[in-house]
Amino acid sequence: MSQPHITVHQAETSSAPAAKLVAAIFDSREKAEEGESALLGFTREGEFEVHSLARVSRSQFGALEVDEAPADGPVGERLRALISDLRAAATELPAPAFGLVTDLGSWGDLAGFGSTPDFVQTIARELRPGRAAVLAEIEEDWITPLDTRLEELGGLVIRTWCTDFDEERTGEPLSH
């Protein structure tokens, strides 16, 4: 039996109301790879669409490393911007901030279907040295299946609406 073909949708624009940026943070690169596979599994099952995907990690010295780069061109633009912002945030955080642990999942579920305030800063705090994250731009109607699966793998899921991310960065929505 042949393996199913995985399609990462290359949308011309991802400004649909349901478009979100998702970061799933894990304790290791290996776990992040499992998280990426789980996320792509939902795509194969038709649960949601993935517009762009990347994987990053933090070295033991705190440097942000790109393990899997986002797509070139407009489709990967937001994730490239997010990675750039994470690099900047990581250099601005004082050492004690690396140890902060937050549990915004329940609050996020109530406010904006999983979006959290200070998206980049929250990811930067949680992505401590030795940890890794899957970053994705997706369209989903329901957060529970993805959250449940990634949390089973040990992941912490953080979301924001793409429009909110764009406005926080530039003061206006990103146009492709």
N, C-alpha and C. Protein backbone atom coordinates (compact mmCIF):
# COMPACT_ATOMS: atom_id res chain seq x y z
N MET A 1 0.84 -1.17 0.00
CA MET A 1 0.00 0.00 0.00
C MET A 1 0.89 1.24 0.00
N SER A 2 0.55 2.23 -0.82
CA SER A 2 1.39 3.42 -0.93
C SER A 2 1.09 4.41 0.19
N GLN A 3 2.11 5.21 0.48
CA GLN A 3 1.97 6.23 1.50
C GLN A 3 1.07 7.34 0.98
N PRO A 4 0.26 7.97 1.84
CA PRO A 4 -0.57 9.10 1.39
C PRO A 4 0.31 10.29 1.05
N HIS A 5 -0.11 11.05 0.07
CA HIS A 5 0.61 12.24 -0.33
C HIS A 5 0.23 13.39 0.61
N ILE A 6 1.21 14.06 1.17
CA ILE A 6 0.96 15.18 2.06
C ILE A 6 1.05 16.46 1.25
N THR A 7 0.01 17.26 1.32
CA THR A 7 0.00 18.53 0.63
C THR A 7 -0.03 19.65 1.66
N VAL A 8 0.95 20.50 1.63
CA VAL A 8 0.91 21.72 2.41
C VAL A 8 0.38 22.77 1.45
N HIS A 9 -0.80 23.27 1.74
CA HIS A 9 -1.49 24.17 0.82
C HIS A 9 -0.73 25.47 0.65
N GLN A 10 -0.48 25.83 -0.58
CA GLN A 10 0.23 27.05 -0.92
C GLN A 10 -0.80 28.09 -1.35
N ALA A 11 -1.48 28.66 -0.39
CA ALA A 11 -2.52 29.64 -0.68
C ALA A 11 -1.90 30.94 -1.18
N GLU A 12 -2.60 31.60 -2.11
CA GLU A 12 -2.14 32.89 -2.59
C GLU A 12 -2.18 33.91 -1.47
N THR A 13 -3.16 33.80 -0.63
CA THR A 13 -3.26 34.66 0.54
C THR A 13 -3.81 33.84 1.68
N SER A 14 -3.44 34.20 2.86
CA SER A 14 -3.95 33.47 4.01
C SER A 14 -4.59 34.45 4.97
N SER A 15 -5.33 35.40 4.41
CA SER A 15 -5.96 36.40 5.24
C SER A 15 -7.40 36.03 5.59
N ALA A 16 -7.77 34.78 5.37
CA ALA A 16 -9.10 34.31 5.74
C ALA A 16 -9.30 34.50 7.24
N PRO A 17 -10.53 34.74 7.68
CA PRO A 17 -10.78 35.01 9.09
C PRO A 17 -10.27 33.93 10.03
N ALA A 18 -10.20 32.67 9.59
CA ALA A 18 -9.79 31.58 10.47
C ALA A 18 -8.28 31.35 10.47
N ALA A 19 -7.51 32.14 9.72
CA ALA A 19 -6.07 31.92 9.63
C ALA A 19 -5.40 32.29 10.95
N LYS A 20 -4.58 31.37 11.45
CA LYS A 20 -3.89 31.56 12.73
C LYS A 20 -2.43 31.16 12.61
N LEU A 21 -1.63 31.73 13.48
CA LEU A 21 -0.27 31.27 13.67
C LEU A 21 -0.28 30.40 14.92
N VAL A 22 0.34 29.24 14.82
CA VAL A 22 0.39 28.30 15.94
C VAL A 22 1.84 27.96 16.22
N ALA A 23 2.18 27.96 17.49
CA ALA A 23 3.50 27.50 17.93
C ALA A 23 3.25 26.36 18.91
N ALA A 24 3.86 25.22 18.65
CA ALA A 24 3.79 24.08 19.57
C ALA A 24 5.20 23.83 20.07
N ILE A 25 5.40 24.05 21.36
CA ILE A 25 6.74 23.99 21.95
C ILE A 25 6.92 22.66 22.67
N PHE A 26 8.07 22.03 22.41
CA PHE A 26 8.38 20.71 22.95
C PHE A 26 9.72 20.74 23.68
N ASP A 27 9.98 19.71 24.47
CA ASP A 27 11.21 19.63 25.25
C ASP A 27 12.43 19.23 24.43
N SER A 28 12.24 18.78 23.18
CA SER A 28 13.38 18.36 22.37
C SER A 28 13.05 18.47 20.88
N ARG A 29 14.09 18.42 20.07
CA ARG A 29 13.90 18.42 18.62
C ARG A 29 13.12 17.18 18.17
N GLU A 30 13.41 16.06 18.78
CA GLU A 30 12.74 14.81 18.41
C GLU A 30 11.24 14.91 18.64
N LYS A 31 10.87 15.47 19.80
CA LYS A 31 9.44 15.64 20.11
C LYS A 31 8.80 16.63 19.14
N ALA A 32 9.53 17.68 18.76
CA ALA A 32 9.00 18.65 17.80
C ALA A 32 8.76 17.99 16.44
N GLU A 33 9.65 17.08 16.05
CA GLU A 33 9.44 16.35 14.80
C GLU A 33 8.18 15.50 14.88
N GLU A 34 7.95 14.86 16.03
CA GLU A 34 6.71 14.10 16.23
C GLU A 34 5.50 15.04 16.15
N GLY A 35 5.62 16.21 16.74
CA GLY A 35 4.55 17.19 16.70
C GLY A 35 4.24 17.64 15.28
N GLU A 36 5.29 17.83 14.49
CA GLU A 36 5.11 18.20 13.08
C GLU A 36 4.37 17.10 12.34
N SER A 37 4.75 15.86 12.58
CA SER A 37 4.08 14.73 11.93
C SER A 37 2.61 14.67 12.32
N ALA A 38 2.32 14.92 13.59
CA ALA A 38 0.94 14.91 14.06
C ALA A 38 0.14 16.03 13.38
N LEU A 39 0.74 17.21 13.29
CA LEU A 39 0.07 18.33 12.65
C LEU A 39 -0.23 18.01 11.18
N LEU A 40 0.74 17.45 10.49
CA LEU A 40 0.53 17.09 9.09
C LEU A 40 -0.48 15.96 8.95
N GLY A 41 -0.58 15.11 9.97
CA GLY A 41 -1.60 14.06 9.97
C GLY A 41 -3.00 14.64 9.94
N PHE A 42 -3.22 15.72 10.67
CA PHE A 42 -4.52 16.39 10.64
C PHE A 42 -4.81 16.95 9.26
N THR A 43 -3.77 17.41 8.56
CA THR A 43 -3.94 17.92 7.21
C THR A 43 -4.39 16.80 6.27
N ARG A 44 -3.75 15.62 6.39
CA ARG A 44 -4.14 14.47 5.56
C ARG A 44 -5.59 14.08 5.81
N GLU A 45 -6.01 14.21 7.06
CA GLU A 45 -7.38 13.84 7.43
C GLU A 45 -8.39 14.92 7.08
N GLY A 46 -7.93 16.07 6.59
CA GLY A 46 -8.83 17.14 6.20
C GLY A 46 -9.35 17.97 7.36
N GLU A 47 -8.73 17.86 8.53
CA GLU A 47 -9.18 18.61 9.71
C GLU A 47 -8.94 20.11 9.55
N PHE A 48 -7.83 20.49 8.93
CA PHE A 48 -7.52 21.89 8.68
C PHE A 48 -6.47 22.00 7.59
N GLU A 49 -6.19 23.24 7.19
CA GLU A 49 -5.19 23.48 6.15
C GLU A 49 -3.94 24.09 6.77
N VAL A 50 -2.79 23.67 6.28
CA VAL A 50 -1.51 24.24 6.67
C VAL A 50 -1.02 25.07 5.49
N HIS A 51 -0.82 26.36 5.73
CA HIS A 51 -0.32 27.24 4.66
C HIS A 51 1.20 27.28 4.64
N SER A 52 1.80 27.22 5.81
CA SER A 52 3.26 27.27 5.91
C SER A 52 3.68 26.60 7.22
N LEU A 53 4.89 26.06 7.22
CA LEU A 53 5.37 25.28 8.36
C LEU A 53 6.86 25.51 8.54
N ALA A 54 7.30 25.57 9.79
CA ALA A 54 8.73 25.69 10.10
C ALA A 54 8.98 25.00 11.43
N ARG A 55 10.24 24.70 11.68
CA ARG A 55 10.61 24.11 12.96
C ARG A 55 11.88 24.82 13.44
N VAL A 56 11.87 25.26 14.69
CA VAL A 56 13.01 25.96 15.26
C VAL A 56 13.39 25.31 16.58
N SER A 57 14.61 25.60 17.04
CA SER A 57 15.04 25.10 18.35
C SER A 57 15.96 26.13 18.97
N ARG A 58 16.19 25.95 20.25
CA ARG A 58 17.07 26.83 20.99
C ARG A 58 18.28 26.03 21.40
N SER A 59 19.47 26.48 21.04
CA SER A 59 20.69 25.78 21.43
C SER A 59 20.88 25.87 22.94
N GLN A 60 21.80 25.08 23.46
CA GLN A 60 22.07 25.12 24.90
C GLN A 60 22.57 26.49 25.34
N PHE A 61 23.06 27.29 24.39
CA PHE A 61 23.56 28.62 24.70
C PHE A 61 22.51 29.70 24.45
N GLY A 62 21.32 29.29 24.00
CA GLY A 62 20.23 30.24 23.82
C GLY A 62 20.01 30.75 22.41
N ALA A 63 20.88 30.38 21.46
CA ALA A 63 20.71 30.85 20.08
C ALA A 63 19.52 30.15 19.43
N LEU A 64 18.74 30.91 18.68
CA LEU A 64 17.62 30.34 17.95
C LEU A 64 18.13 29.74 16.65
N GLU A 65 17.84 28.47 16.41
CA GLU A 65 18.27 27.77 15.21
C GLU A 65 17.05 27.37 14.40
N VAL A 66 17.12 27.55 13.09
CA VAL A 66 16.03 27.15 12.20
C VAL A 66 16.35 25.75 11.71
N ASP A 67 15.57 24.77 12.18
CA ASP A 67 15.78 23.38 11.80
C ASP A 67 15.08 23.04 10.49
N GLU A 68 13.96 23.69 10.24
CA GLU A 68 13.23 23.53 8.98
C GLU A 68 12.65 24.90 8.64
N ALA A 69 13.14 25.48 7.55
CA ALA A 69 12.74 26.84 7.17
C ALA A 69 11.35 26.86 6.55
N PRO A 70 10.64 27.98 6.72
CA PRO A 70 9.33 28.10 6.06
C PRO A 70 9.50 28.22 4.55
N ALA A 71 8.41 28.05 3.85
CA ALA A 71 8.41 28.14 2.39
C ALA A 71 8.91 29.51 1.93
N ASP A 72 9.54 29.53 0.77
CA ASP A 72 9.94 30.79 0.16
C ASP A 72 8.71 31.50 -0.39
N GLY A 73 8.83 32.77 -0.64
CA GLY A 73 7.76 33.52 -1.26
C GLY A 73 6.71 33.97 -0.26
N PRO A 74 5.61 34.48 -0.76
CA PRO A 74 4.57 35.06 0.09
C PRO A 74 3.99 34.08 1.11
N VAL A 75 3.90 32.81 0.76
CA VAL A 75 3.26 31.85 1.65
C VAL A 75 4.02 31.67 2.97
N GLY A 76 5.31 31.87 2.98
CA GLY A 76 6.09 31.71 4.21
C GLY A 76 6.44 33.02 4.89
N GLU A 77 5.88 34.11 4.40
CA GLU A 77 6.24 35.44 4.88
C GLU A 77 5.98 35.63 6.37
N ARG A 78 4.84 35.23 6.85
CA ARG A 78 4.52 35.42 8.27
C ARG A 78 5.45 34.60 9.16
N LEU A 79 5.74 33.36 8.77
CA LEU A 79 6.62 32.55 9.61
C LEU A 79 8.04 33.08 9.60
N ARG A 80 8.50 33.60 8.46
CA ARG A 80 9.82 34.23 8.44
C ARG A 80 9.84 35.44 9.35
N ALA A 81 8.77 36.22 9.35
CA ALA A 81 8.66 37.37 10.25
C ALA A 81 8.64 36.93 11.70
N LEU A 82 7.89 35.86 12.00
CA LEU A 82 7.83 35.34 13.36
C LEU A 82 9.21 34.87 13.84
N ILE A 83 9.93 34.17 12.99
CA ILE A 83 11.27 33.70 13.35
C ILE A 83 12.19 34.90 13.61
N SER A 84 12.10 35.91 12.79
CA SER A 84 12.90 37.12 12.99
C SER A 84 12.55 37.78 14.32
N ASP A 85 11.26 37.87 14.62
CA ASP A 85 10.83 38.46 15.89
C ASP A 85 11.30 37.62 17.08
N LEU A 86 11.27 36.29 16.93
CA LEU A 86 11.72 35.41 18.01
C LEU A 86 13.21 35.58 18.27
N ARG A 87 13.99 35.75 17.21
CA ARG A 87 15.43 35.99 17.39
C ARG A 87 15.66 37.28 18.17
N ALA A 88 14.92 38.31 17.81
CA ALA A 88 15.06 39.59 18.51
C ALA A 88 14.61 39.47 19.95
N ALA A 89 13.48 38.83 20.19
CA ALA A 89 12.95 38.68 21.55
C ALA A 89 13.89 37.85 22.42
N ALA A 90 14.50 36.84 21.85
CA ALA A 90 15.39 35.97 22.62
C ALA A 90 16.60 36.75 23.12
N THR A 91 17.07 37.71 22.35
CA THR A 91 18.24 38.48 22.79
C THR A 91 17.85 39.54 23.81
N GLU A 92 16.56 39.90 23.88
CA GLU A 92 16.10 40.92 24.82
C GLU A 92 15.70 40.35 26.17
N LEU A 93 15.40 39.05 26.25
CA LEU A 93 14.92 38.47 27.50
C LEU A 93 16.06 38.30 28.50
N PRO A 94 15.85 38.72 29.74
CA PRO A 94 16.86 38.45 30.76
C PRO A 94 16.88 36.97 31.07
N ALA A 95 18.00 36.47 31.58
CA ALA A 95 18.16 35.05 31.85
C ALA A 95 17.03 34.46 32.70
N PRO A 96 16.54 35.12 33.77
CA PRO A 96 15.47 34.51 34.57
C PRO A 96 14.19 34.27 33.77
N ALA A 97 13.98 35.04 32.69
CA ALA A 97 12.77 34.86 31.90
C ALA A 97 12.73 33.50 31.23
N PHE A 98 13.90 32.90 30.99
CA PHE A 98 13.92 31.58 30.36
C PHE A 98 13.25 30.54 31.23
N GLY A 99 13.21 30.76 32.55
CA GLY A 99 12.62 29.78 33.46
C GLY A 99 11.14 29.98 33.71
N LEU A 100 10.56 31.04 33.19
CA LEU A 100 9.15 31.27 33.43
C LEU A 100 8.30 30.22 32.75
N VAL A 101 7.30 29.75 33.44
CA VAL A 101 6.37 28.78 32.87
C VAL A 101 4.99 29.38 32.97
N THR A 102 4.28 29.44 31.84
CA THR A 102 2.92 29.95 31.86
C THR A 102 1.99 28.90 31.30
N ASP A 103 0.77 28.92 31.78
CA ASP A 103 -0.26 28.02 31.26
C ASP A 103 -1.41 28.88 30.79
N LEU A 104 -1.32 29.33 29.54
CA LEU A 104 -2.33 30.21 28.99
C LEU A 104 -3.40 29.45 28.22
N GLY A 105 -3.33 28.13 28.18
CA GLY A 105 -4.25 27.36 27.38
C GLY A 105 -5.70 27.60 27.71
N SER A 106 -6.08 27.51 28.97
CA SER A 106 -7.48 27.68 29.34
C SER A 106 -7.95 29.09 29.07
N TRP A 107 -7.15 30.09 29.44
CA TRP A 107 -7.51 31.46 29.18
C TRP A 107 -7.64 31.70 27.68
N GLY A 108 -6.68 31.15 26.92
CA GLY A 108 -6.69 31.34 25.48
C GLY A 108 -7.91 30.72 24.83
N ASP A 109 -8.38 29.58 25.35
CA ASP A 109 -9.56 28.95 24.79
C ASP A 109 -10.78 29.85 24.93
N LEU A 110 -10.83 30.61 26.02
CA LEU A 110 -11.97 31.48 26.26
C LEU A 110 -11.88 32.78 25.48
N ALA A 111 -10.69 33.25 25.23
CA ALA A 111 -10.51 34.54 24.57
C ALA A 111 -9.93 34.32 23.19
N GLY A 112 -10.74 34.38 22.16
CA GLY A 112 -10.25 34.32 20.80
C GLY A 112 -9.90 32.93 20.32
N PHE A 113 -10.53 31.90 20.86
CA PHE A 113 -10.32 30.54 20.39
C PHE A 113 -8.87 30.14 20.38
N GLY A 114 -8.17 30.44 21.45
CA GLY A 114 -6.81 29.98 21.59
C GLY A 114 -5.74 31.02 21.34
N SER A 115 -6.11 32.24 20.99
CA SER A 115 -5.08 33.24 20.80
C SER A 115 -4.62 33.75 22.16
N THR A 116 -3.37 34.17 22.24
CA THR A 116 -2.83 34.65 23.51
C THR A 116 -2.23 36.03 23.31
N PRO A 117 -2.20 36.82 24.38
CA PRO A 117 -1.56 38.12 24.26
C PRO A 117 -0.05 37.95 24.18
N ASP A 118 0.60 38.94 23.59
CA ASP A 118 2.07 38.93 23.52
C ASP A 118 2.60 37.61 22.96
N PHE A 119 2.10 37.24 21.82
CA PHE A 119 2.41 35.97 21.17
C PHE A 119 3.91 35.70 21.09
N VAL A 120 4.65 36.61 20.53
CA VAL A 120 6.09 36.40 20.33
C VAL A 120 6.81 36.28 21.67
N GLN A 121 6.48 37.15 22.62
CA GLN A 121 7.14 37.10 23.93
C GLN A 121 6.83 35.80 24.66
N THR A 122 5.61 35.32 24.54
CA THR A 122 5.24 34.07 25.20
C THR A 122 6.03 32.90 24.61
N ILE A 123 6.15 32.86 23.29
CA ILE A 123 6.93 31.80 22.65
C ILE A 123 8.40 31.90 23.08
N ALA A 124 8.94 33.11 23.06
CA ALA A 124 10.35 33.30 23.42
C ALA A 124 10.62 32.84 24.85
N ARG A 125 9.70 33.12 25.78
CA ARG A 125 9.89 32.67 27.17
C ARG A 125 9.84 31.16 27.28
N GLU A 126 8.91 30.53 26.56
CA GLU A 126 8.72 29.08 26.67
C GLU A 126 9.77 28.29 25.90
N LEU A 127 10.34 28.89 24.86
CA LEU A 127 11.33 28.19 24.03
C LEU A 127 12.71 28.38 24.66
N ARG A 128 12.88 27.74 25.79
CA ARG A 128 14.12 27.83 26.56
C ARG A 128 15.21 26.97 25.89
N PRO A 129 16.46 27.20 26.27
CA PRO A 129 17.56 26.40 25.70
C PRO A 129 17.28 24.90 25.79
N GLY A 130 17.51 24.20 24.67
CA GLY A 130 17.29 22.76 24.58
C GLY A 130 15.90 22.40 24.07
N ARG A 131 14.99 23.35 24.01
CA ARG A 131 13.63 23.07 23.56
C ARG A 131 13.51 23.37 22.07
N ALA A 132 12.41 22.91 21.48
CA ALA A 132 12.17 23.11 20.04
C ALA A 132 10.69 23.40 19.82
N ALA A 133 10.37 23.99 18.67
CA ALA A 133 8.98 24.34 18.38
C ALA A 133 8.66 24.11 16.92
N VAL A 134 7.41 23.74 16.70
CA VAL A 134 6.83 23.70 15.36
C VAL A 134 6.03 24.98 15.22
N LEU A 135 6.27 25.71 14.15
CA LEU A 135 5.55 26.94 13.87
C LEU A 135 4.74 26.71 12.61
N ALA A 136 3.49 27.12 12.61
CA ALA A 136 2.66 26.89 11.43
C ALA A 136 1.64 28.00 11.27
N GLU A 137 1.33 28.28 10.02
CA GLU A 137 0.19 29.13 9.69
C GLU A 137 -0.88 28.19 9.18
N ILE A 138 -2.01 28.17 9.90
CA ILE A 138 -3.06 27.20 9.59
C ILE A 138 -4.42 27.87 9.55
N GLU A 139 -5.38 27.15 9.00
CA GLU A 139 -6.79 27.51 9.11
C GLU A 139 -7.47 26.34 9.78
N GLU A 140 -8.12 26.63 10.90
CA GLU A 140 -8.81 25.59 11.65
C GLU A 140 -10.12 26.16 12.17
N ASP A 141 -11.09 25.30 12.31
CA ASP A 141 -12.38 25.72 12.86
C ASP A 141 -12.52 25.33 14.32
N TRP A 142 -11.71 24.36 14.77
CA TRP A 142 -11.86 23.82 16.10
C TRP A 142 -10.48 23.52 16.65
N ILE A 143 -10.13 24.06 17.82
CA ILE A 143 -8.78 23.94 18.35
C ILE A 143 -8.54 22.66 19.14
N THR A 144 -9.59 22.04 19.65
CA THR A 144 -9.43 20.91 20.56
C THR A 144 -8.66 19.73 19.98
N PRO A 145 -8.95 19.26 18.76
CA PRO A 145 -8.20 18.08 18.27
C PRO A 145 -6.69 18.30 18.20
N LEU A 146 -6.27 19.44 17.66
CA LEU A 146 -4.84 19.70 17.55
C LEU A 146 -4.22 19.86 18.94
N ASP A 147 -4.85 20.64 19.79
CA ASP A 147 -4.32 20.84 21.14
C ASP A 147 -4.18 19.52 21.88
N THR A 148 -5.21 18.70 21.83
CA THR A 148 -5.20 17.42 22.54
C THR A 148 -4.05 16.55 22.06
N ARG A 149 -3.89 16.42 20.75
CA ARG A 149 -2.84 15.55 20.20
C ARG A 149 -1.45 16.08 20.54
N LEU A 150 -1.23 17.38 20.37
CA LEU A 150 0.10 17.92 20.64
C LEU A 150 0.42 17.92 22.13
N GLU A 151 -0.57 18.13 22.97
CA GLU A 151 -0.35 18.05 24.41
C GLU A 151 -0.03 16.62 24.84
N GLU A 152 -0.64 15.62 24.17
CA GLU A 152 -0.31 14.22 24.45
C GLU A 152 1.17 13.94 24.18
N LEU A 153 1.74 14.67 23.22
CA LEU A 153 3.16 14.51 22.87
C LEU A 153 4.06 15.38 23.75
N GLY A 154 3.46 16.11 24.68
CA GLY A 154 4.23 16.96 25.58
C GLY A 154 4.36 18.39 25.11
N GLY A 155 3.59 18.78 24.11
CA GLY A 155 3.69 20.13 23.57
C GLY A 155 2.82 21.14 24.29
N LEU A 156 3.27 22.38 24.27
CA LEU A 156 2.51 23.52 24.74
C LEU A 156 2.10 24.29 23.50
N VAL A 157 0.79 24.48 23.29
CA VAL A 157 0.29 25.11 22.07
C VAL A 157 -0.09 26.56 22.36
N ILE A 158 0.43 27.46 21.54
CA ILE A 158 0.16 28.90 21.66
C ILE A 158 -0.31 29.37 20.29
N ARG A 159 -1.37 30.20 20.26
CA ARG A 159 -1.95 30.67 19.00
C ARG A 159 -2.18 32.17 19.01
N THR A 160 -2.26 32.72 17.83
CA THR A 160 -2.78 34.06 17.63
C THR A 160 -3.39 34.13 16.24
N TRP A 161 -4.33 35.03 16.07
CA TRP A 161 -4.89 35.26 14.73
C TRP A 161 -3.81 35.90 13.87
N CYS A 162 -3.74 35.56 12.61
CA CYS A 162 -2.75 36.17 11.71
C CYS A 162 -2.93 37.68 11.64
N THR A 163 -4.17 38.13 11.61
CA THR A 163 -4.41 39.58 11.54
C THR A 163 -3.88 40.28 12.78
N ASP A 164 -4.02 39.66 13.96
CA ASP A 164 -3.48 40.26 15.18
C ASP A 164 -1.96 40.33 15.15
N PHE A 165 -1.33 39.26 14.67
CA PHE A 165 0.13 39.23 14.55
C PHE A 165 0.60 40.34 13.61
N ASP A 166 -0.06 40.46 12.46
CA ASP A 166 0.30 41.48 11.48
C ASP A 166 0.19 42.88 12.07
N GLU A 167 -0.92 43.12 12.76
CA GLU A 167 -1.15 44.44 13.32
C GLU A 167 -0.18 44.76 14.45
N GLU A 168 0.19 43.76 15.25
CA GLU A 168 1.17 43.98 16.31
C GLU A 168 2.54 44.34 15.72
N ARG A 169 2.87 43.73 14.59
CA ARG A 169 4.18 43.97 13.98
C ARG A 169 4.23 45.30 13.24
N THR A 170 3.19 45.60 12.46
CA THR A 170 3.27 46.72 11.53
C THR A 170 2.21 47.79 11.74
N GLY A 171 1.23 47.49 12.55
CA GLY A 171 0.12 48.43 12.71
C GLY A 171 -0.96 48.25 11.67
N GLU A 172 -0.77 47.31 10.74
CA GLU A 172 -1.79 47.02 9.73
C GLU A 172 -1.67 45.58 9.25
N PRO A 173 -2.77 45.02 8.71
CA PRO A 173 -2.71 43.63 8.22
C PRO A 173 -1.69 43.48 7.11
N LEU A 174 -1.04 42.32 7.06
CA LEU A 174 -0.05 42.01 6.04
C LEU A 174 -0.78 41.69 4.74
N SER A 175 -0.34 42.28 3.65
CA SER A 175 -0.95 41.96 2.36
C SER A 175 0.05 41.17 1.54
N HIS A 176 -0.44 40.18 0.84
CA HIS A 176 0.44 39.34 0.01
C HIS A 176 0.43 39.85 -1.40
